């Protein structure tokens, strides 16, 4: 804000009026300080968007895993098979079906038995997994050790369950940027699943 002052250097004599305001240096310093503040806000916004995306993908993956678990519980005859289980498999890349794959669950079609129902359910589920998660990988298997015994981290490797202790595990992973700014590819040998969901499909009828 500009203001005029009238210094009185010589009492009794009128003094010229001079203009007082902010100098150019003060203005430049203010701009620099404001710029640093705006950069900090922009960084926080970018981090918020990234972590929000990671949280949405995690939530979506958990919902998809629970959905498949419910389908398996609803079809225990097929889900409880220790050999030739139609739900089991290691799916990634080209092994995840593209959208629009026809199954016996389509209108006008009919599934003949529990195994064909399971195959149709898994196909439809994998389509949605591929659409929802970038470069997704899904493993459904019998597994008694879904976590590495040495470090406690989840692992893709499946270990057969002891006799009489049949446990199915659904594992999901996808490509994402971790919190330490590392892009983890689901196809990397050192990658690990982000979702581990044990399922007890029930006894065969």
N, C-alpha and C. Protein backbone atom coordinates (compact mmCIF):
# COMPACT_ATOMS: atom_id res chain seq x y z
N UNK A 1 0.86 -1.19 0.00
CA UNK A 1 0.00 0.00 0.00
C UNK A 1 0.89 1.24 0.00
N UNK A 2 0.60 2.16 -0.90
CA UNK A 2 1.40 3.37 -1.02
C UNK A 2 0.89 4.44 -0.05
N UNK A 3 1.83 5.18 0.51
CA UNK A 3 1.43 6.26 1.40
C UNK A 3 2.44 7.41 1.24
N UNK A 4 2.01 8.57 1.55
CA UNK A 4 2.87 9.76 1.47
C UNK A 4 3.25 10.20 2.88
N UNK A 5 4.51 10.55 3.01
CA UNK A 5 4.98 11.09 4.29
C UNK A 5 5.57 12.48 4.06
N UNK A 6 5.55 13.22 5.06
CA UNK A 6 6.07 14.59 4.98
C UNK A 6 7.11 14.78 6.07
N UNK A 7 8.36 14.39 5.75
CA UNK A 7 9.40 14.56 6.78
C UNK A 7 9.65 16.04 7.06
N UNK A 8 9.90 16.36 8.27
CA UNK A 8 10.13 17.75 8.68
C UNK A 8 11.59 17.89 9.08
N UNK A 9 12.45 18.04 8.03
CA UNK A 9 13.86 18.18 8.30
C UNK A 9 14.23 19.58 8.85
N UNK A 10 13.45 20.57 8.44
CA UNK A 10 13.74 21.93 8.88
C UNK A 10 12.47 22.50 9.51
N UNK A 11 12.44 22.58 10.78
CA UNK A 11 11.23 23.11 11.43
C UNK A 11 10.87 24.50 10.92
N UNK A 12 9.60 24.60 10.69
CA UNK A 12 9.10 25.89 10.23
C UNK A 12 9.09 26.06 8.73
N UNK A 13 9.77 25.14 7.99
CA UNK A 13 9.80 25.22 6.53
C UNK A 13 9.05 24.04 5.93
N UNK A 14 8.29 24.24 4.84
CA UNK A 14 7.59 23.12 4.20
C UNK A 14 8.59 22.15 3.56
N UNK A 15 8.30 20.85 3.69
CA UNK A 15 9.18 19.81 3.14
C UNK A 15 8.52 19.14 1.95
N UNK A 16 9.30 18.72 0.97
CA UNK A 16 8.71 18.01 -0.18
C UNK A 16 8.17 16.64 0.25
N UNK A 17 7.10 16.24 -0.38
CA UNK A 17 6.48 14.93 -0.07
C UNK A 17 7.18 13.85 -0.89
N UNK A 18 7.47 12.67 -0.21
CA UNK A 18 8.12 11.58 -0.94
C UNK A 18 7.26 10.31 -0.86
N UNK A 19 7.41 9.43 -1.85
CA UNK A 19 6.62 8.23 -1.99
C UNK A 19 7.31 7.07 -1.28
N UNK A 20 6.56 6.34 -0.40
CA UNK A 20 7.11 5.21 0.35
C UNK A 20 6.31 3.97 0.01
N UNK A 21 6.96 2.79 -0.27
CA UNK A 21 6.26 1.53 -0.59
C UNK A 21 7.20 0.35 -0.50
N UNK A 22 6.80 -0.82 -1.06
CA UNK A 22 7.64 -2.01 -1.06
C UNK A 22 8.70 -1.91 -2.14
N UNK A 23 9.90 -2.34 -1.82
CA UNK A 23 10.96 -2.35 -2.82
C UNK A 23 10.84 -3.59 -3.70
N UNK A 24 11.53 -3.57 -4.83
CA UNK A 24 11.50 -4.71 -5.75
C UNK A 24 12.09 -5.96 -5.11
N UNK A 25 13.10 -5.82 -4.28
CA UNK A 25 13.71 -6.97 -3.60
C UNK A 25 12.70 -7.64 -2.68
N UNK A 26 11.93 -6.85 -1.95
CA UNK A 26 10.92 -7.42 -1.05
C UNK A 26 9.86 -8.20 -1.82
N UNK A 27 9.46 -7.65 -2.95
CA UNK A 27 8.45 -8.33 -3.78
C UNK A 27 8.99 -9.65 -4.31
N UNK A 28 10.25 -9.65 -4.78
CA UNK A 28 10.84 -10.89 -5.30
C UNK A 28 10.97 -11.95 -4.22
N UNK A 29 11.35 -11.53 -3.02
CA UNK A 29 11.46 -12.49 -1.91
C UNK A 29 10.09 -13.08 -1.58
N UNK A 30 9.07 -12.28 -1.60
CA UNK A 30 7.71 -12.78 -1.34
C UNK A 30 7.29 -13.80 -2.39
N UNK A 31 7.63 -13.53 -3.67
CA UNK A 31 7.28 -14.46 -4.75
C UNK A 31 7.99 -15.79 -4.56
N UNK A 32 9.28 -15.74 -4.19
CA UNK A 32 10.05 -16.97 -3.98
C UNK A 32 9.45 -17.79 -2.85
N UNK A 33 9.13 -17.15 -1.74
CA UNK A 33 8.55 -17.87 -0.59
C UNK A 33 7.21 -18.50 -0.98
N UNK A 34 6.39 -17.76 -1.71
CA UNK A 34 5.10 -18.27 -2.15
C UNK A 34 5.28 -19.46 -3.11
N UNK A 35 6.29 -19.39 -3.97
CA UNK A 35 6.54 -20.49 -4.92
C UNK A 35 6.90 -21.78 -4.19
N UNK A 36 7.75 -21.67 -3.15
CA UNK A 36 8.11 -22.86 -2.38
C UNK A 36 6.87 -23.47 -1.72
N UNK A 37 5.99 -22.63 -1.23
CA UNK A 37 4.75 -23.13 -0.62
C UNK A 37 3.87 -23.86 -1.63
N UNK A 38 3.75 -23.29 -2.83
CA UNK A 38 2.93 -23.92 -3.87
C UNK A 38 3.53 -25.24 -4.33
N UNK A 39 4.88 -25.32 -4.41
CA UNK A 39 5.52 -26.58 -4.79
C UNK A 39 5.23 -27.67 -3.76
N UNK A 40 5.25 -27.31 -2.49
CA UNK A 40 4.93 -28.28 -1.45
C UNK A 40 3.50 -28.79 -1.56
N UNK A 41 2.57 -27.89 -1.84
CA UNK A 41 1.17 -28.29 -2.01
C UNK A 41 1.01 -29.21 -3.21
N UNK A 42 1.71 -28.90 -4.32
CA UNK A 42 1.63 -29.75 -5.51
C UNK A 42 2.18 -31.15 -5.23
N UNK A 43 3.29 -31.23 -4.46
CA UNK A 43 3.84 -32.53 -4.11
C UNK A 43 2.89 -33.35 -3.26
N UNK A 44 2.24 -32.71 -2.29
CA UNK A 44 1.27 -33.40 -1.46
C UNK A 44 0.09 -33.90 -2.29
N UNK A 45 -0.34 -33.11 -3.27
CA UNK A 45 -1.46 -33.51 -4.12
C UNK A 45 -1.10 -34.73 -4.95
N UNK A 46 0.11 -34.74 -5.51
CA UNK A 46 0.56 -35.88 -6.30
C UNK A 46 0.65 -37.14 -5.45
N UNK A 47 1.20 -37.02 -4.23
CA UNK A 47 1.29 -38.18 -3.34
C UNK A 47 -0.09 -38.68 -2.95
N UNK A 48 -1.01 -37.76 -2.71
CA UNK A 48 -2.37 -38.15 -2.35
C UNK A 48 -3.05 -38.93 -3.47
N UNK A 49 -2.85 -38.48 -4.71
CA UNK A 49 -3.44 -39.19 -5.84
C UNK A 49 -2.85 -40.59 -5.99
N UNK A 50 -1.53 -40.72 -5.79
CA UNK A 50 -0.88 -42.02 -5.92
C UNK A 50 -1.37 -42.99 -4.85
N UNK A 51 -1.39 -42.55 -3.61
CA UNK A 51 -1.81 -43.43 -2.53
C UNK A 51 -3.30 -43.76 -2.63
N UNK A 52 -4.09 -42.82 -3.15
CA UNK A 52 -5.50 -43.11 -3.38
C UNK A 52 -5.69 -44.19 -4.43
N UNK A 53 -4.86 -44.14 -5.49
CA UNK A 53 -4.93 -45.17 -6.54
C UNK A 53 -4.53 -46.53 -5.99
N UNK A 54 -3.47 -46.56 -5.18
CA UNK A 54 -3.04 -47.83 -4.58
C UNK A 54 -4.14 -48.41 -3.69
N UNK A 55 -4.79 -47.55 -2.90
CA UNK A 55 -5.85 -48.01 -2.00
C UNK A 55 -7.04 -48.55 -2.79
N UNK A 56 -7.40 -47.88 -3.89
CA UNK A 56 -8.53 -48.34 -4.70
C UNK A 56 -8.22 -49.70 -5.32
N UNK A 57 -7.01 -49.88 -5.83
CA UNK A 57 -6.65 -51.16 -6.42
C UNK A 57 -6.66 -52.27 -5.37
N UNK A 58 -6.16 -51.97 -4.18
CA UNK A 58 -6.14 -52.96 -3.11
C UNK A 58 -7.57 -53.35 -2.73
N UNK A 59 -8.44 -52.37 -2.60
CA UNK A 59 -9.83 -52.64 -2.25
C UNK A 59 -10.52 -53.46 -3.33
N UNK A 60 -10.26 -53.12 -4.59
CA UNK A 60 -10.86 -53.86 -5.70
C UNK A 60 -10.39 -55.31 -5.71
N UNK A 61 -9.09 -55.51 -5.48
CA UNK A 61 -8.53 -56.87 -5.48
C UNK A 61 -9.13 -57.71 -4.35
N UNK A 62 -9.28 -57.13 -3.18
CA UNK A 62 -9.88 -57.86 -2.05
C UNK A 62 -11.32 -58.24 -2.38
N UNK A 63 -12.08 -57.32 -2.98
CA UNK A 63 -13.46 -57.62 -3.35
C UNK A 63 -13.53 -58.74 -4.38
N UNK A 64 -12.63 -58.72 -5.36
CA UNK A 64 -12.61 -59.78 -6.37
C UNK A 64 -12.25 -61.13 -5.75
N UNK A 65 -11.28 -61.13 -4.85
CA UNK A 65 -10.90 -62.39 -4.19
C UNK A 65 -12.06 -62.94 -3.36
N UNK A 66 -12.74 -62.08 -2.64
CA UNK A 66 -13.89 -62.53 -1.85
C UNK A 66 -15.01 -63.06 -2.73
N UNK A 67 -15.18 -62.42 -3.88
CA UNK A 67 -16.22 -62.87 -4.81
C UNK A 67 -15.94 -64.29 -5.30
N UNK A 68 -14.68 -64.55 -5.68
CA UNK A 68 -14.33 -65.90 -6.13
C UNK A 68 -14.47 -66.90 -4.98
N UNK A 69 -14.10 -66.49 -3.77
CA UNK A 69 -14.24 -67.38 -2.62
C UNK A 69 -15.70 -67.76 -2.40
N UNK A 70 -16.62 -66.81 -2.55
CA UNK A 70 -18.04 -67.11 -2.40
C UNK A 70 -18.52 -68.07 -3.49
N UNK A 71 -18.02 -67.89 -4.71
CA UNK A 71 -18.41 -68.81 -5.80
C UNK A 71 -17.91 -70.22 -5.52
N UNK A 72 -16.71 -70.33 -4.96
CA UNK A 72 -16.17 -71.64 -4.65
C UNK A 72 -16.94 -72.31 -3.52
N UNK A 73 -17.33 -71.52 -2.52
CA UNK A 73 -18.13 -72.09 -1.43
C UNK A 73 -19.51 -72.54 -1.93
N UNK A 74 -20.01 -71.85 -2.94
CA UNK A 74 -21.29 -72.23 -3.50
C UNK A 74 -21.22 -73.42 -4.44
N UNK A 75 -20.03 -73.85 -4.79
CA UNK A 75 -19.84 -75.00 -5.69
C UNK A 75 -18.79 -75.93 -5.07
N UNK A 76 -19.07 -76.48 -3.87
CA UNK A 76 -18.05 -77.24 -3.14
C UNK A 76 -17.63 -78.52 -3.84
N UNK A 77 -18.52 -79.10 -4.66
CA UNK A 77 -18.15 -80.33 -5.36
C UNK A 77 -16.94 -80.15 -6.25
N UNK A 78 -16.90 -79.03 -6.98
CA UNK A 78 -15.76 -78.75 -7.86
C UNK A 78 -14.60 -78.12 -7.09
N UNK A 79 -14.92 -77.23 -6.16
CA UNK A 79 -13.87 -76.51 -5.44
C UNK A 79 -13.07 -77.40 -4.50
N UNK A 80 -13.63 -78.55 -4.11
CA UNK A 80 -12.95 -79.44 -3.17
C UNK A 80 -12.11 -80.51 -3.86
N UNK A 81 -12.07 -80.50 -5.16
CA UNK A 81 -11.30 -81.52 -5.88
C UNK A 81 -9.81 -81.30 -5.66
N UNK A 82 -9.12 -82.34 -5.22
CA UNK A 82 -7.67 -82.23 -5.05
C UNK A 82 -6.93 -82.49 -6.35
N UNK A 83 -7.60 -83.07 -7.32
CA UNK A 83 -7.01 -83.33 -8.64
C UNK A 83 -7.98 -82.87 -9.72
N UNK A 84 -7.46 -82.14 -10.69
CA UNK A 84 -8.32 -81.64 -11.77
C UNK A 84 -9.30 -80.57 -11.31
N UNK A 85 -8.93 -79.79 -10.32
CA UNK A 85 -9.81 -78.73 -9.81
C UNK A 85 -9.94 -77.63 -10.86
N UNK A 86 -11.16 -77.36 -11.34
CA UNK A 86 -11.32 -76.36 -12.41
C UNK A 86 -11.05 -74.93 -11.97
N UNK A 87 -11.01 -74.69 -10.68
CA UNK A 87 -10.73 -73.34 -10.20
C UNK A 87 -9.22 -73.06 -10.12
N UNK A 88 -8.42 -74.10 -10.11
CA UNK A 88 -6.99 -73.92 -9.87
C UNK A 88 -6.27 -73.43 -11.12
N UNK A 89 -5.21 -72.68 -10.91
CA UNK A 89 -4.39 -72.25 -12.04
C UNK A 89 -3.51 -71.07 -11.69
N UNK A 90 -2.57 -70.79 -12.56
CA UNK A 90 -1.67 -69.65 -12.45
C UNK A 90 -1.90 -68.80 -13.68
N UNK A 91 -2.53 -67.66 -13.51
CA UNK A 91 -3.01 -66.87 -14.65
C UNK A 91 -2.34 -65.50 -14.66
N UNK A 92 -1.81 -65.14 -15.83
CA UNK A 92 -1.23 -63.82 -16.03
C UNK A 92 -1.05 -63.62 -17.53
N UNK A 93 -0.96 -62.37 -17.94
CA UNK A 93 -0.73 -62.08 -19.35
C UNK A 93 -1.80 -62.66 -20.26
N UNK A 94 -1.35 -63.44 -21.24
CA UNK A 94 -2.27 -64.00 -22.24
C UNK A 94 -3.22 -65.04 -21.66
N UNK A 95 -2.90 -65.61 -20.50
CA UNK A 95 -3.77 -66.63 -19.92
C UNK A 95 -5.00 -66.02 -19.23
N UNK A 96 -5.04 -64.69 -19.09
CA UNK A 96 -6.24 -64.02 -18.59
C UNK A 96 -7.13 -63.70 -19.79
N UNK A 97 -8.35 -64.24 -19.84
CA UNK A 97 -9.20 -64.07 -21.03
C UNK A 97 -9.52 -62.60 -21.30
N UNK A 98 -9.76 -62.32 -22.56
CA UNK A 98 -10.18 -60.98 -22.96
C UNK A 98 -11.67 -60.82 -22.71
N UNK A 99 -12.13 -59.58 -22.70
CA UNK A 99 -13.55 -59.32 -22.49
C UNK A 99 -14.38 -59.92 -23.60
N UNK A 100 -15.58 -60.37 -23.25
CA UNK A 100 -16.51 -60.90 -24.25
C UNK A 100 -16.37 -62.38 -24.49
N UNK A 101 -15.57 -63.08 -23.66
CA UNK A 101 -15.43 -64.52 -23.82
C UNK A 101 -16.74 -65.20 -23.45
N UNK A 102 -17.26 -66.03 -24.35
CA UNK A 102 -18.54 -66.71 -24.12
C UNK A 102 -18.37 -67.86 -23.14
N UNK A 103 -19.33 -68.05 -22.25
CA UNK A 103 -19.33 -69.16 -21.30
C UNK A 103 -20.73 -69.74 -21.20
N UNK A 104 -20.82 -70.86 -20.48
CA UNK A 104 -22.14 -71.48 -20.33
C UNK A 104 -23.03 -70.70 -19.38
N UNK A 105 -22.52 -69.64 -18.76
CA UNK A 105 -23.34 -68.79 -17.91
C UNK A 105 -24.10 -67.74 -18.71
N UNK A 106 -23.80 -67.62 -20.01
CA UNK A 106 -24.48 -66.64 -20.85
C UNK A 106 -25.95 -67.01 -21.02
N UNK A 107 -26.76 -66.00 -21.28
CA UNK A 107 -28.18 -66.23 -21.51
C UNK A 107 -28.37 -67.14 -22.73
N UNK A 108 -29.21 -68.15 -22.58
CA UNK A 108 -29.44 -69.09 -23.66
C UNK A 108 -28.52 -70.29 -23.63
N UNK A 109 -27.55 -70.29 -22.69
CA UNK A 109 -26.63 -71.42 -22.54
C UNK A 109 -26.95 -72.15 -21.25
N UNK A 110 -26.32 -73.28 -21.05
CA UNK A 110 -26.55 -74.06 -19.84
C UNK A 110 -25.28 -74.79 -19.45
N UNK A 111 -24.95 -74.73 -18.15
CA UNK A 111 -23.81 -75.47 -17.62
C UNK A 111 -24.28 -76.87 -17.24
N UNK A 112 -23.55 -77.88 -17.64
CA UNK A 112 -24.02 -79.26 -17.46
C UNK A 112 -23.70 -79.83 -16.08
N UNK A 113 -22.63 -79.36 -15.43
CA UNK A 113 -22.27 -79.89 -14.11
C UNK A 113 -21.45 -78.86 -13.35
N UNK A 114 -21.05 -79.25 -12.13
CA UNK A 114 -20.31 -78.32 -11.28
C UNK A 114 -18.98 -77.89 -11.86
N UNK A 115 -18.33 -78.79 -12.61
CA UNK A 115 -17.04 -78.43 -13.19
C UNK A 115 -17.18 -77.38 -14.29
N UNK A 116 -18.21 -77.51 -15.12
CA UNK A 116 -18.41 -76.50 -16.17
C UNK A 116 -18.85 -75.18 -15.58
N UNK A 117 -19.62 -75.24 -14.49
CA UNK A 117 -19.98 -74.00 -13.78
C UNK A 117 -18.72 -73.31 -13.26
N UNK A 118 -17.83 -74.11 -12.67
CA UNK A 118 -16.59 -73.56 -12.13
C UNK A 118 -15.75 -72.93 -13.23
N UNK A 119 -15.64 -73.61 -14.36
CA UNK A 119 -14.85 -73.08 -15.47
C UNK A 119 -15.43 -71.76 -15.98
N UNK A 120 -16.76 -71.70 -16.08
CA UNK A 120 -17.42 -70.49 -16.55
C UNK A 120 -17.25 -69.36 -15.55
N UNK A 121 -17.40 -69.67 -14.26
CA UNK A 121 -17.22 -68.65 -13.23
C UNK A 121 -15.80 -68.10 -13.24
N UNK A 122 -14.83 -68.99 -13.34
CA UNK A 122 -13.43 -68.56 -13.32
C UNK A 122 -13.11 -67.70 -14.55
N UNK A 123 -13.64 -68.09 -15.71
CA UNK A 123 -13.39 -67.31 -16.93
C UNK A 123 -13.93 -65.90 -16.80
N UNK A 124 -15.18 -65.80 -16.33
CA UNK A 124 -15.79 -64.48 -16.16
C UNK A 124 -15.04 -63.66 -15.11
N UNK A 125 -14.61 -64.31 -14.04
CA UNK A 125 -13.88 -63.62 -12.97
C UNK A 125 -12.54 -63.11 -13.47
N UNK A 126 -11.83 -63.93 -14.23
CA UNK A 126 -10.52 -63.52 -14.74
C UNK A 126 -10.64 -62.33 -15.70
N UNK A 127 -11.71 -62.29 -16.47
CA UNK A 127 -11.93 -61.14 -17.36
C UNK A 127 -12.00 -59.86 -16.54
N UNK A 128 -12.74 -59.88 -15.45
CA UNK A 128 -12.89 -58.68 -14.62
C UNK A 128 -11.61 -58.35 -13.87
N UNK A 129 -10.86 -59.37 -13.48
CA UNK A 129 -9.56 -59.12 -12.86
C UNK A 129 -8.63 -58.39 -13.82
N UNK A 130 -8.60 -58.87 -15.07
CA UNK A 130 -7.75 -58.23 -16.08
C UNK A 130 -8.16 -56.81 -16.39
N UNK A 131 -9.45 -56.52 -16.28
CA UNK A 131 -9.93 -55.17 -16.55
C UNK A 131 -9.68 -54.22 -15.39
N UNK A 132 -9.71 -54.75 -14.16
CA UNK A 132 -9.63 -53.89 -12.98
C UNK A 132 -8.21 -53.65 -12.50
N UNK A 133 -7.30 -54.61 -12.74
CA UNK A 133 -5.95 -54.51 -12.19
C UNK A 133 -4.92 -54.52 -13.31
N UNK A 134 -3.99 -53.57 -13.33
CA UNK A 134 -3.00 -53.50 -14.41
C UNK A 134 -2.02 -54.67 -14.36
N UNK A 135 -1.88 -55.36 -15.50
CA UNK A 135 -0.95 -56.49 -15.63
C UNK A 135 -1.14 -57.47 -14.47
N UNK A 136 -2.38 -57.88 -14.27
CA UNK A 136 -2.74 -58.69 -13.11
C UNK A 136 -2.16 -60.10 -13.21
N UNK A 137 -1.96 -60.69 -12.05
CA UNK A 137 -1.59 -62.10 -11.93
C UNK A 137 -2.47 -62.71 -10.85
N UNK A 138 -3.03 -63.89 -11.13
CA UNK A 138 -3.88 -64.58 -10.17
C UNK A 138 -3.44 -66.03 -10.06
N UNK A 139 -3.29 -66.49 -8.83
CA UNK A 139 -2.95 -67.88 -8.56
C UNK A 139 -3.98 -68.43 -7.59
N UNK A 140 -4.63 -69.53 -7.98
CA UNK A 140 -5.56 -70.23 -7.11
C UNK A 140 -5.06 -71.66 -6.97
N UNK A 141 -4.78 -72.06 -5.75
CA UNK A 141 -4.15 -73.36 -5.56
C UNK A 141 -4.40 -73.89 -4.16
N UNK A 142 -4.07 -75.16 -3.97
CA UNK A 142 -4.02 -75.73 -2.63
C UNK A 142 -2.68 -75.33 -2.02
N UNK A 143 -2.73 -74.72 -0.85
CA UNK A 143 -1.49 -74.16 -0.30
C UNK A 143 -1.55 -74.17 1.23
N UNK A 144 -0.58 -74.81 1.83
CA UNK A 144 -0.48 -74.83 3.29
C UNK A 144 0.51 -73.80 3.81
N UNK A 145 1.23 -73.13 2.92
CA UNK A 145 2.23 -72.14 3.35
C UNK A 145 2.19 -70.93 2.42
N UNK A 146 1.14 -70.11 2.48
CA UNK A 146 1.08 -68.93 1.60
C UNK A 146 2.10 -67.85 1.94
N UNK A 147 2.70 -67.94 3.14
CA UNK A 147 3.69 -66.95 3.55
C UNK A 147 5.05 -67.62 3.71
N UNK A 148 6.08 -66.90 3.29
CA UNK A 148 7.45 -67.41 3.38
C UNK A 148 7.85 -67.56 4.85
N UNK A 149 8.32 -68.74 5.21
CA UNK A 149 8.64 -69.01 6.61
C UNK A 149 9.86 -68.21 7.09
N UNK A 150 10.72 -67.79 6.18
CA UNK A 150 11.94 -67.09 6.59
C UNK A 150 11.73 -65.60 6.83
N UNK A 151 10.83 -64.97 6.06
CA UNK A 151 10.64 -63.53 6.22
C UNK A 151 9.18 -63.13 6.49
N UNK A 152 8.26 -64.08 6.44
CA UNK A 152 6.86 -63.80 6.73
C UNK A 152 6.11 -63.09 5.63
N UNK A 153 6.72 -62.92 4.45
CA UNK A 153 6.07 -62.22 3.34
C UNK A 153 5.26 -63.20 2.48
N UNK A 154 4.18 -62.73 1.85
CA UNK A 154 3.40 -63.61 0.98
C UNK A 154 4.24 -64.07 -0.22
N UNK A 155 3.92 -65.25 -0.73
CA UNK A 155 4.68 -65.81 -1.84
C UNK A 155 3.73 -66.47 -2.84
N UNK A 156 4.18 -66.53 -4.10
CA UNK A 156 3.38 -67.14 -5.16
C UNK A 156 3.46 -68.67 -5.11
N UNK A 157 4.53 -69.21 -4.58
CA UNK A 157 4.71 -70.66 -4.55
C UNK A 157 3.60 -71.32 -3.74
N UNK A 158 3.12 -72.45 -4.25
CA UNK A 158 2.07 -73.21 -3.57
C UNK A 158 2.65 -74.49 -2.99
N UNK A 159 2.30 -74.76 -1.75
CA UNK A 159 2.75 -75.96 -1.06
C UNK A 159 1.54 -76.84 -0.74
N UNK A 160 1.60 -78.10 -1.15
CA UNK A 160 0.47 -79.01 -0.93
C UNK A 160 0.15 -79.13 0.55
N UNK A 161 -1.14 -79.15 0.86
CA UNK A 161 -1.56 -79.25 2.25
C UNK A 161 -1.36 -80.67 2.77
N UNK A 162 -1.12 -80.81 4.08
CA UNK A 162 -1.04 -82.15 4.67
C UNK A 162 -2.34 -82.91 4.48
N UNK A 163 -2.26 -84.21 4.54
CA UNK A 163 -3.43 -85.04 4.34
C UNK A 163 -4.52 -84.68 5.35
N UNK A 164 -5.74 -84.49 4.83
CA UNK A 164 -6.87 -84.16 5.69
C UNK A 164 -6.98 -82.69 6.04
N UNK A 165 -6.13 -81.86 5.49
CA UNK A 165 -6.16 -80.43 5.79
C UNK A 165 -6.16 -79.65 4.48
N UNK A 166 -7.26 -79.72 3.75
CA UNK A 166 -7.37 -79.13 2.41
C UNK A 166 -7.70 -77.64 2.54
N UNK A 167 -6.78 -76.79 2.10
CA UNK A 167 -6.98 -75.35 2.15
C UNK A 167 -6.65 -74.74 0.80
N UNK A 168 -7.60 -74.02 0.24
CA UNK A 168 -7.40 -73.31 -1.03
C UNK A 168 -7.02 -71.87 -0.72
N UNK A 169 -6.10 -71.33 -1.50
CA UNK A 169 -5.67 -69.94 -1.30
C UNK A 169 -5.79 -69.20 -2.63
N UNK A 170 -6.39 -68.02 -2.57
CA UNK A 170 -6.49 -67.13 -3.73
C UNK A 170 -5.43 -66.04 -3.56
N UNK A 171 -4.58 -65.89 -4.57
CA UNK A 171 -3.50 -64.90 -4.52
C UNK A 171 -3.63 -63.95 -5.71
N UNK A 172 -3.54 -62.67 -5.43
CA UNK A 172 -3.65 -61.66 -6.49
C UNK A 172 -2.48 -60.68 -6.40
N UNK A 173 -1.94 -60.33 -7.56
CA UNK A 173 -0.91 -59.31 -7.65
C UNK A 173 -1.09 -58.53 -8.94
N UNK A 174 -0.47 -57.40 -9.01
CA UNK A 174 -0.57 -56.55 -10.20
C UNK A 174 0.61 -55.57 -10.18
N UNK A 175 0.80 -54.89 -11.30
CA UNK A 175 1.89 -53.92 -11.39
C UNK A 175 1.45 -52.61 -10.75
N UNK A 176 2.26 -52.13 -9.81
CA UNK A 176 1.94 -50.86 -9.17
C UNK A 176 3.22 -50.24 -8.62
N UNK A 177 3.14 -48.94 -8.36
CA UNK A 177 4.25 -48.24 -7.72
C UNK A 177 4.09 -48.36 -6.22
N UNK A 178 5.10 -48.90 -5.56
CA UNK A 178 5.03 -49.07 -4.12
C UNK A 178 5.25 -47.74 -3.42
N UNK A 179 5.09 -47.74 -2.10
CA UNK A 179 5.22 -46.50 -1.34
C UNK A 179 6.64 -45.94 -1.36
N UNK A 180 7.64 -46.79 -1.66
CA UNK A 180 9.02 -46.30 -1.77
C UNK A 180 9.40 -45.98 -3.21
N UNK A 181 8.38 -45.72 -4.06
CA UNK A 181 8.55 -45.25 -5.43
C UNK A 181 9.25 -46.28 -6.34
N UNK A 182 9.03 -47.54 -6.08
CA UNK A 182 9.56 -48.62 -6.92
C UNK A 182 8.40 -49.25 -7.67
N UNK A 183 8.54 -49.36 -9.00
CA UNK A 183 7.52 -50.02 -9.80
C UNK A 183 7.70 -51.52 -9.68
N UNK A 184 6.73 -52.18 -9.09
CA UNK A 184 6.80 -53.64 -8.94
C UNK A 184 5.95 -54.29 -10.01
N UNK A 185 6.60 -55.00 -10.92
CA UNK A 185 5.90 -55.74 -11.97
C UNK A 185 5.42 -57.07 -11.40
N UNK A 186 4.17 -57.41 -11.68
CA UNK A 186 3.63 -58.68 -11.18
C UNK A 186 4.39 -59.86 -11.75
N UNK A 187 5.01 -59.68 -12.92
CA UNK A 187 5.72 -60.77 -13.57
C UNK A 187 7.16 -60.93 -13.07
N UNK A 188 7.65 -60.01 -12.24
CA UNK A 188 9.02 -60.12 -11.73
C UNK A 188 9.18 -61.35 -10.86
N UNK A 189 10.35 -61.96 -10.93
CA UNK A 189 10.59 -63.16 -10.13
C UNK A 189 10.58 -62.86 -8.64
N UNK A 190 10.95 -61.64 -8.27
CA UNK A 190 10.97 -61.27 -6.86
C UNK A 190 9.67 -60.63 -6.39
N UNK A 191 8.69 -60.52 -7.28
CA UNK A 191 7.42 -59.91 -6.91
C UNK A 191 6.66 -60.84 -5.97
N UNK A 192 5.76 -60.28 -5.21
CA UNK A 192 4.93 -61.08 -4.31
C UNK A 192 3.48 -60.63 -4.43
N UNK A 193 2.56 -61.50 -4.09
CA UNK A 193 1.14 -61.12 -4.18
C UNK A 193 0.78 -60.04 -3.17
N UNK A 194 -0.17 -59.20 -3.54
CA UNK A 194 -0.64 -58.15 -2.64
C UNK A 194 -1.86 -58.60 -1.83
N UNK A 195 -2.56 -59.62 -2.32
CA UNK A 195 -3.75 -60.13 -1.63
C UNK A 195 -3.61 -61.63 -1.46
N UNK A 196 -3.81 -62.11 -0.23
CA UNK A 196 -3.81 -63.53 0.09
C UNK A 196 -5.13 -63.83 0.81
N UNK A 197 -5.92 -64.74 0.23
CA UNK A 197 -7.22 -65.05 0.85
C UNK A 197 -7.40 -66.57 0.92
N UNK A 198 -7.30 -67.15 2.12
CA UNK A 198 -7.57 -68.59 2.28
C UNK A 198 -9.07 -68.87 2.16
N UNK A 199 -9.38 -70.02 1.58
CA UNK A 199 -10.78 -70.41 1.37
C UNK A 199 -10.94 -71.86 1.81
N UNK A 200 -12.01 -72.14 2.54
CA UNK A 200 -12.37 -73.51 2.87
C UNK A 200 -13.64 -73.84 2.09
N UNK A 201 -13.51 -74.51 0.94
CA UNK A 201 -14.68 -74.71 0.09
C UNK A 201 -15.71 -75.65 0.65
N UNK A 202 -15.35 -76.49 1.62
CA UNK A 202 -16.30 -77.44 2.17
C UNK A 202 -16.11 -78.82 1.63
N UNK A 203 -16.77 -79.77 2.24
CA UNK A 203 -16.66 -81.17 1.82
C UNK A 203 -17.49 -81.43 0.58
N UNK A 204 -17.07 -82.41 -0.15
CA UNK A 204 -17.84 -82.82 -1.32
C UNK A 204 -19.17 -83.42 -0.87
N UNK A 205 -20.26 -83.14 -1.57
CA UNK A 205 -21.54 -83.71 -1.19
C UNK A 205 -21.57 -85.21 -1.47
